[in-house]
PDB file of N, CA and C in Angstrom:
ATOM      1  N   MET A   1     123.114-106.683 -63.139  1.00  0.00           N
ATOM      2  CA  MET A   1     123.564-105.433 -62.875  1.00  0.00           C
ATOM      3  C   MET A   1     123.383-104.560 -64.391  1.00  0.00           C
ATOM      4  N   ALA A   2     122.402-103.498 -64.253  1.00  0.00           N
ATOM      5  CA  ALA A   2     122.281-102.859 -65.244  1.00  0.00           C
ATOM      6  C   ALA A   2     122.498-101.738 -65.141  1.00  0.00           C
ATOM      7  N   VAL A   3     123.057-101.017 -66.225  1.00  0.00           N
ATOM      8  CA  VAL A   3     123.424 -99.804 -66.401  1.00  0.00           C
ATOM      9  C   VAL A   3     122.622 -99.076 -67.184  1.00  0.00           C
ATOM     10  N   THR A   4     122.166 -97.582 -66.768  1.00  0.00           N
ATOM     11  CA  THR A   4     121.333 -97.005 -67.727  1.00  0.00           C
ATOM     12  C   THR A   4     121.978 -95.550 -68.413  1.00  0.00           C
ATOM     13  N   ILE A   5     121.797 -95.577 -69.510  1.00  0.00           N
ATOM     14  CA  ILE A   5     122.568 -93.938 -69.805  1.00  0.00           C
ATOM     15  C   ILE A   5     121.385 -93.529 -70.917  1.00  0.00           C
ATOM     16  N   SER A   6     121.155 -92.387 -70.126  1.00  0.00           N
ATOM     17  CA  SER A   6     119.940 -91.584 -70.630  1.00  0.00           C
ATOM     18  C   SER A   6     120.053 -90.872 -71.988  1.00  0.00           C
ATOM     19  N   ASP A   7     119.092 -90.706 -72.701  1.00  0.00           N
ATOM     20  CA  ASP A   7     119.358 -90.218 -74.147  1.00  0.00           C
ATOM     21  C   ASP A   7     119.888 -88.920 -73.896  1.00  0.00           C
ATOM     22  N   SER A   8     119.687 -87.934 -72.762  1.00  0.00           N
ATOM     23  CA  SER A   8     120.423 -86.748 -72.817  1.00  0.00           C
ATOM     24  C   SER A   8     121.775 -86.917 -72.537  1.00  0.00           C
ATOM     25  N   GLU A   9     122.141 -88.022 -71.909  1.00  0.00           N
ATOM     26  CA  GLU A   9     123.573 -88.256 -71.436  1.00  0.00           C
ATOM     27  C   GLU A   9     124.316 -88.512 -72.707  1.00  0.00           C
ATOM     28  N   LEU A  10     123.806 -89.374 -73.743  1.00  0.00           N
ATOM     29  CA  LEU A  10     123.988 -89.837 -74.813  1.00  0.00           C
ATOM     30  C   LEU A  10     124.377 -88.231 -75.944  1.00  0.00           C
ATOM     31  N   HIS A  11     123.193 -87.639 -75.951  1.00  0.00           N
ATOM     32  CA  HIS A  11     123.247 -86.568 -76.422  1.00  0.00           C
ATOM     33  C   HIS A  11     124.465 -85.621 -76.199  1.00  0.00           C
ATOM     34  N   GLN A  12     124.859 -85.294 -75.054  1.00  0.00           N
ATOM     35  CA  GLN A  12     125.695 -84.524 -74.517  1.00  0.00           C
ATOM     36  C   GLN A  12     127.123 -85.333 -75.109  1.00  0.00           C
ATOM     37  N   LEU A  13     127.311 -86.633 -74.999  1.00  0.00           N
ATOM     38  CA  LEU A  13     128.640 -87.353 -75.699  1.00  0.00           C
ATOM     39  C   LEU A  13     128.298 -87.162 -77.256  1.00  0.00           C
ATOM     40  N   LYS A  14     127.351 -86.836 -77.685  1.00  0.00           N
ATOM     41  CA  LYS A  14     127.047 -86.452 -79.176  1.00  0.00           C
ATOM     42  C   LYS A  14     127.281 -87.964 -79.769  1.00  0.00           C
ATOM     43  N   MET A  15     126.897 -89.023 -79.066  1.00  0.00           N
ATOM     44  CA  MET A  15     126.535 -90.482 -79.690  1.00  0.00           C
ATOM     45  C   MET A  15     125.062 -90.807 -79.677  1.00  0.00           C
ATOM     46  N   ASN A  16     124.772 -92.117 -80.559  1.00  0.00           N
ATOM     47  CA  ASN A  16     123.427 -93.081 -79.944  1.00  0.00           C
ATOM     48  C   ASN A  16     124.212 -94.122 -79.424  1.00  0.00           C
ATOM     49  N   ASP A  17     123.259 -95.179 -79.062  1.00  0.00           N
ATOM     50  CA  ASP A  17     123.443 -96.207 -78.308  1.00  0.00           C
ATOM     51  C   ASP A  17     124.488 -97.136 -78.983  1.00  0.00           C
ATOM     52  N   LYS A  18     124.087 -97.180 -80.365  1.00  0.00           N
ATOM     53  CA  LYS A  18     125.400 -98.384 -80.659  1.00  0.00           C
ATOM     54  C   LYS A  18     126.678 -97.474 -80.965  1.00  0.00           C
ATOM     55  N   GLN A  19     126.511 -96.280 -81.098  1.00  0.00           N
ATOM     56  CA  GLN A  19     128.073 -95.803 -81.170  1.00  0.00           C
ATOM     57  C   GLN A  19     129.196 -95.899 -79.712  1.00  0.00           C
ATOM     58  N   PHE A  20     127.918 -95.681 -78.714  1.00  0.00           N
ATOM     59  CA  PHE A  20     128.545 -95.892 -77.420  1.00  0.00           C
ATOM     60  C   PHE A  20     128.875 -97.248 -77.021  1.00  0.00           C
ATOM     61  N   ARG A  21     128.294 -98.319 -77.558  1.00  0.00           N
ATOM     62  CA  ARG A  21     128.337 -99.620 -77.628  1.00  0.00           C
ATOM     63  C   ARG A  21     129.703-100.100 -77.954  1.00  0.00           C
ATOM     64  N   ILE A  22     129.924 -99.498 -79.250  1.00  0.00           N
ATOM     65  CA  ILE A  22     131.319 -99.488 -80.163  1.00  0.00           C
ATOM     66  C   ILE A  22     132.353 -98.973 -79.263  1.00  0.00           C
ATOM     67  N   GLU A  23     132.460 -97.798 -78.658  1.00  0.00           N
ATOM     68  CA  GLU A  23     133.328 -96.980 -77.914  1.00  0.00           C
ATOM     69  C   GLU A  23     133.680 -98.135 -76.592  1.00  0.00           C
ATOM     70  N   LEU A  24     132.829 -98.247 -76.003  1.00  0.00           N
ATOM     71  CA  LEU A  24     132.967 -99.213 -74.697  1.00  0.00           C
ATOM     72  C   LEU A  24     133.720-100.764 -75.013  1.00  0.00           C
ATOM     73  N   ALA A  25     133.246-101.134 -76.470  1.00  0.00           N
ATOM     74  CA  ALA A  25     133.896-102.354 -76.763  1.00  0.00           C
ATOM     75  C   ALA A  25     135.186-102.296 -77.037  1.00  0.00           C
ATOM     76  N   CYS A  26     135.493-101.036 -77.887  1.00  0.00           N
ATOM     77  CA  CYS A  26     136.957-100.860 -78.128  1.00  0.00           C
ATOM     78  C   CYS A  26     137.625-100.789 -77.048  1.00  0.00           C
ATOM     79  N   LEU A  27     137.220 -99.952 -75.989  1.00  0.00           N
ATOM     80  CA  LEU A  27     138.162 -99.669 -74.638  1.00  0.00           C
ATOM     81  C   LEU A  27     138.230-101.084 -74.092  1.00  0.00           C
ATOM     82  N   PHE A  28     137.153-101.691 -73.775  1.00  0.00           N
ATOM     83  CA  PHE A  28     137.194-103.032 -73.189  1.00  0.00           C
ATOM     84  C   PHE A  28     138.428-104.168 -73.601  1.00  0.00           C
ATOM     85  N   TYR A  29     138.374-104.224 -75.407  1.00  0.00           N
ATOM     86  CA  TYR A  29     139.433-104.852 -76.058  1.00  0.00           C
ATOM     87  C   TYR A  29     140.745-104.476 -75.709  1.00  0.00           C
ATOM     88  N   GLU A  30     140.860-103.054 -75.947  1.00  0.00           N
ATOM     89  CA  GLU A  30     142.380-102.361 -75.686  1.00  0.00           C
ATOM     90  C   GLU A  30     142.818-102.668 -74.609  1.00  0.00           C
ATOM     91  N   HIS A  31     141.940-102.828 -73.223  1.00  0.00           N
ATOM     92  CA  HIS A  31     142.519-102.886 -72.109  1.00  0.00           C
ATOM     93  C   HIS A  31     142.481-104.191 -71.609  1.00  0.00           C
ATOM     94  N   ASP A  32     142.144-105.205 -72.337  1.00  0.00           N
ATOM     95  CA  ASP A  32     142.225-106.946 -72.666  1.00  0.00           C
ATOM     96  C   ASP A  32     141.095-107.198 -71.281  1.00  0.00           C
ATOM     97  N   LYS A  33     139.936-106.630 -71.332  1.00  0.00           N
ATOM     98  CA  LYS A  33     138.885-106.958 -70.497  1.00  0.00           C
ATOM     99  C   LYS A  33     138.037-107.718 -71.078  1.00  0.00           C
ATOM    100  N   MET A  34     138.147-107.870 -72.500  1.00  0.00           N
ATOM    101  CA  MET A  34     137.375-108.546 -73.413  1.00  0.00           C
ATOM    102  C   MET A  34     138.215-109.234 -74.552  1.00  0.00           C
ATOM    103  N   SER A  35     137.744-110.259 -75.119  1.00  0.00           N
ATOM    104  CA  SER A  35     138.626-110.793 -76.250  1.00  0.00           C
ATOM    105  C   SER A  35     137.893-110.344 -77.851  1.00  0.00           C
ATOM    106  N   ILE A  36     138.400-110.458 -78.652  1.00  0.00           N
ATOM    107  CA  ILE A  36     137.652-109.890 -79.954  1.00  0.00           C
ATOM    108  C   ILE A  36     136.534-110.195 -80.331  1.00  0.00           C
ATOM    109  N   GLY A  37     136.368-111.473 -80.145  1.00  0.00           N
ATOM    110  CA  GLY A  37     134.822-112.076 -79.980  1.00  0.00           C
ATOM    111  C   GLY A  37     133.997-111.419 -79.278  1.00  0.00           C
ATOM    112  N   GLN A  38     134.325-111.372 -78.070  1.00  0.00           N
ATOM    113  CA  GLN A  38     133.514-111.075 -76.846  1.00  0.00           C
ATOM    114  C   GLN A  38     132.986-109.482 -77.214  1.00  0.00           C
ATOM    115  N   ALA A  39     134.204-108.642 -77.556  1.00  0.00           N
ATOM    116  CA  ALA A  39     133.914-107.296 -77.856  1.00  0.00           C
ATOM    117  C   ALA A  39     133.002-106.994 -78.993  1.00  0.00           C
ATOM    118  N   ALA A  40     133.141-107.934 -80.092  1.00  0.00           N
ATOM    119  CA  ALA A  40     132.593-107.679 -81.578  1.00  0.00           C
ATOM    120  C   ALA A  40     130.926-108.004 -81.107  1.00  0.00           C
ATOM    121  N   LYS A  41     130.756-108.868 -80.171  1.00  0.00           N
ATOM    122  CA  LYS A  41     129.278-109.419 -79.844  1.00  0.00           C
ATOM    123  C   LYS A  41     128.831-108.203 -78.948  1.00  0.00           C
ATOM    124  N   PHE A  42     129.704-107.659 -78.305  1.00  0.00           N
ATOM    125  CA  PHE A  42     128.934-106.626 -77.230  1.00  0.00           C
ATOM    126  C   PHE A  42     128.863-105.268 -78.271  1.00  0.00           C
ATOM    127  N   ALA A  43     129.713-105.368 -79.017  1.00  0.00           N
ATOM    128  CA  ALA A  43     129.310-104.010 -80.077  1.00  0.00           C
ATOM    129  C   ALA A  43     128.296-104.350 -80.997  1.00  0.00           C
ATOM    130  N   GLN A  44     127.941-105.509 -80.921  1.00  0.00           N
ATOM    131  CA  GLN A  44     126.625-105.717 -82.265  1.00  0.00           C
ATOM    132  C   GLN A  44     127.293-105.664 -83.327  1.00  0.00           C
ATOM    133  N   LEU A  45     128.470-106.104 -83.307  1.00  0.00           N
ATOM    134  CA  LEU A  45     128.882-106.062 -84.751  1.00  0.00           C
ATOM    135  C   LEU A  45     129.600-107.465 -85.400  1.00  0.00           C
ATOM    136  N   ASP A  46     129.553-107.445 -86.764  1.00  0.00           N
ATOM    137  CA  ASP A  46     130.443-109.179 -86.929  1.00  0.00           C
ATOM    138  C   ASP A  46     132.215-108.621 -86.811  1.00  0.00           C
ATOM    139  N   ARG A  47     132.431-109.717 -86.419  1.00  0.00           N
ATOM    140  CA  ARG A  47     134.198-109.460 -86.058  1.00  0.00           C
ATOM    141  C   ARG A  47     134.814-108.660 -87.155  1.00  0.00           C
ATOM    142  N   LEU A  48     134.468-108.865 -88.618  1.00  0.00           N
ATOM    143  CA  LEU A  48     135.406-107.924 -89.561  1.00  0.00           C
ATOM    144  C   LEU A  48     135.261-106.659 -89.124  1.00  0.00           C
ATOM    145  N   ASP A  49     133.854-106.366 -89.066  1.00  0.00           N
ATOM    146  CA  ASP A  49     133.195-104.882 -89.067  1.00  0.00           C
ATOM    147  C   ASP A  49     133.701-104.330 -87.562  1.00  0.00           C
ATOM    148  N   PHE A  50     134.008-104.971 -86.684  1.00  0.00           N
ATOM    149  CA  PHE A  50     134.819-104.615 -85.362  1.00  0.00           C
ATOM    150  C   PHE A  50     136.082-104.394 -85.233  1.00  0.00           C
ATOM    151  N   GLN A  51     136.985-105.354 -86.070  1.00  0.00           N
ATOM    152  CA  GLN A  51     138.366-105.106 -86.485  1.00  0.00           C
ATOM    153  C   GLN A  51     138.617-103.616 -87.340  1.00  0.00           C
ATOM    154  N   ALA A  52     137.530-103.239 -88.177  1.00  0.00           N
ATOM    155  CA  ALA A  52     137.906-102.132 -89.234  1.00  0.00           C
ATOM    156  C   ALA A  52     137.287-100.819 -87.998  1.00  0.00           C
ATOM    157  N   GLU A  53     136.463-100.879 -86.572  1.00  0.00           N
ATOM    158  CA  GLU A  53     136.134 -99.778 -85.836  1.00  0.00           C
ATOM    159  C   GLU A  53     137.871 -99.776 -85.284  1.00  0.00           C
ATOM    160  N   LEU A  54     138.467-101.093 -85.178  1.00  0.00           N
ATOM    161  CA  LEU A  54     139.756-101.005 -84.084  1.00  0.00           C
ATOM    162  C   LEU A  54     140.756-100.414 -85.019  1.00  0.00           C
ATOM    163  N   ASP A  55     140.575-100.980 -86.229  1.00  0.00           N
ATOM    164  CA  ASP A  55     141.906 -99.982 -87.146  1.00  0.00           C
ATOM    165  C   ASP A  55     141.489 -98.308 -87.196  1.00  0.00           C
ATOM    166  N   LYS A  56     140.296 -98.255 -87.119  1.00  0.00           N
ATOM    167  CA  LYS A  56     139.754 -96.816 -87.339  1.00  0.00           C
ATOM    168  C   LYS A  56     140.572 -95.630 -85.942  1.00  0.00           C
ATOM    169  N   ARG A  57     140.691 -96.514 -84.737  1.00  0.00           N
ATOM    170  CA  ARG A  57     140.945 -96.037 -83.536  1.00  0.00           C
ATOM    171  C   ARG A  57     142.400 -96.246 -83.283  1.00  0.00           C
ATOM    172  N   GLU A  58     142.870 -97.036 -84.458  1.00  0.00           N
ATOM    173  CA  GLU A  58     144.675 -97.575 -84.404  1.00  0.00           C
ATOM    174  C   GLU A  58     144.924 -98.363 -83.219  1.00  0.00           C
ATOM    175  N   ILE A  59     143.726 -99.474 -83.027  1.00  0.00           N
ATOM    176  CA  ILE A  59     144.033-100.232 -81.877  1.00  0.00           C
ATOM    177  C   ILE A  59     144.404-101.257 -82.208  1.00  0.00           C
ATOM    178  N   ASN A  60     145.611-101.888 -82.392  1.00  0.00           N
ATOM    179  CA  ASN A  60     146.120-103.142 -82.760  1.00  0.00           C
ATOM    180  C   ASN A  60     145.510-104.211 -82.157  1.00  0.00           C
ATOM    181  N   ILE A  61     145.312-105.269 -83.298  1.00  0.00           N
ATOM    182  CA  ILE A  61     144.732-106.572 -82.757  1.00  0.00           C
ATOM    183  C   ILE A  61     145.849-107.398 -82.160  1.00  0.00           C
ATOM    184  N   LYS A  62     145.079-107.979 -80.995  1.00  0.00           N
ATOM    185  CA  LYS A  62     146.285-108.773 -80.591  1.00  0.00           C
ATOM    186  C   LYS A  62     146.451-110.138 -81.205  1.00  0.00           C
ATOM    187  N   TYR A  63     147.679-110.514 -81.121  1.00  0.00           N
ATOM    188  CA  TYR A  63     147.653-111.904 -82.004  1.00  0.00           C
ATOM    189  C   TYR A  63     148.907-112.641 -81.679  1.00  0.00           C
ATOM    190  N   SER A  64     148.657-113.482 -80.547  1.00  0.00           N
ATOM    191  CA  SER A  64     150.085-114.025 -79.660  1.00  0.00           C
ATOM    192  C   SER A  64     151.026-114.997 -80.746  1.00  0.00           C
ATOM    193  N   VAL A  65     151.873-115.788 -80.225  1.00  0.00           N
ATOM    194  CA  VAL A  65     152.582-116.702 -80.717  1.00  0.00           C
ATOM    195  C   VAL A  65     151.365-118.192 -80.607  1.00  0.00           C
ATOM    196  N   ASP A  66     151.050-118.244 -79.632  1.00  0.00           N
ATOM    197  CA  ASP A  66     150.056-119.182 -79.269  1.00  0.00           C
ATOM    198  C   ASP A  66     148.845-119.266 -80.199  1.00  0.00           C
ATOM    199  N   ASP A  67     148.289-117.821 -80.595  1.00  0.00           N
ATOM    200  CA  ASP A  67     147.434-117.830 -81.351  1.00  0.00           C
ATOM    201  C   ASP A  67     147.823-118.271 -82.994  1.00  0.00           C
ATOM    202  N   LEU A  68     149.086-118.149 -83.552  1.00  0.00           N
ATOM    203  CA  LEU A  68     149.709-118.401 -84.437  1.00  0.00           C
ATOM    204  C   LEU A  68     149.983-119.895 -84.761  1.00  0.00           C
ATOM    205  N   ASN A  69     150.424-120.581 -83.773  1.00  0.00           N
ATOM    206  CA  ASN A  69     150.270-122.285 -83.446  1.00  0.00           C
ATOM    207  C   ASN A  69     149.177-122.773 -83.526  1.00  0.00           C
ATOM    208  N   SER A  70     148.176-122.176 -82.886  1.00  0.00           N
ATOM    209  CA  SER A  70     146.924-122.691 -82.937  1.00  0.00           C
ATOM    210  C   SER A  70     146.481-122.519 -84.290  1.00  0.00           C
ATOM    211  N   ASP A  71     146.515-121.451 -85.349  1.00  0.00           N
ATOM    212  CA  ASP A  71     145.966-121.263 -86.589  1.00  0.00           C
ATOM    213  C   ASP A  71     147.049-122.398 -87.422  1.00  0.00           C
ATOM    214  N   MET A  72     148.073-122.582 -87.078  1.00  0.00           N
ATOM    215  CA  MET A  72     149.215-123.243 -87.858  1.00  0.00           C
ATOM    216  C   MET A  72     148.631-125.192 -87.998  1.00  0.00           C
ATOM    217  N   GLN A  73     148.240-125.248 -86.484  1.00  0.00           N
ATOM    218  CA  GLN A  73     147.479-126.555 -86.281  1.00  0.00           C
ATOM    219  C   GLN A  73     146.386-127.024 -87.147  1.00  0.00           C
ATOM    220  N   THR A  74     145.307-125.904 -87.365  1.00  0.00           N
ATOM    221  CA  THR A  74     144.420-125.791 -88.037  1.00  0.00           C
ATOM    222  C   THR A  74     144.884-126.054 -89.373  1.00  0.00           C
ATOM    223  N   PHE A  75     145.680-125.311 -89.919  1.00  0.00           N
ATOM    224  CA  PHE A  75     145.804-125.470 -91.465  1.00  0.00           C
ATOM    225  C   PHE A  75     146.233-126.557 -91.766  1.00  0.00           C
ATOM    226  N   GLU A  76     147.259-127.176 -91.142  1.00  0.00           N
ATOM    227  CA  GLU A  76     147.662-128.395 -91.266  1.00  0.00           C
ATOM    228  C   GLU A  76     146.777-129.650 -91.402  1.00  0.00           C
ATOM    229  N   LYS A  77     145.602-129.466 -90.250  1.00  0.00           N
ATOM    230  CA  LYS A  77     144.232-130.334 -90.167  1.00  0.00           C
ATOM    231  C   LYS A  77     143.600-130.166 -91.663  1.00  0.00           C
ATOM    232  N   LEU A  78     143.251-129.153 -91.925  1.00  0.00           N
ATOM    233  CA  LEU A  78     142.812-128.784 -93.214  1.00  0.00           C
ATOM    234  C   LEU A  78     143.367-128.826 -94.240  1.00  0.00           C
ATOM    235  N   GLY A  79     144.748-129.406 -94.463  1.00  0.00           N
ATOM    236  CA  GLY A  79     145.574-129.583 -95.540  1.00  0.00           C
ATOM    237  C   GLY A  79     145.692-128.545 -96.285  1.00  0.00           C
ATOM    238  N   ILE A  80     145.943-127.223 -95.513  1.00  0.00           N
ATOM    239  CA  ILE A  80     145.796-125.798 -96.522  1.00  0.00           C
ATOM    240  C   ILE A  80     147.450-125.727 -96.525  1.00  0.00           C
TER     241      ILE A  80
END
């Protein structure tokens, strides 16, 4: 499925196609429709730049206890 947004519609929103993608990606991430990696890719940004966009919008980065445990296991394996 393809969705087409015309230039005139983007103009009415006062956005270009890049800004529109970022807005959608932030919305999808905030509503748990995409992971942070998926949303960053959709927005065509690297992960740090996408996190900066989330920060601008005061959208918290989701980090669960499971994420912490996984990171701790990785640190242990790396000897950090």
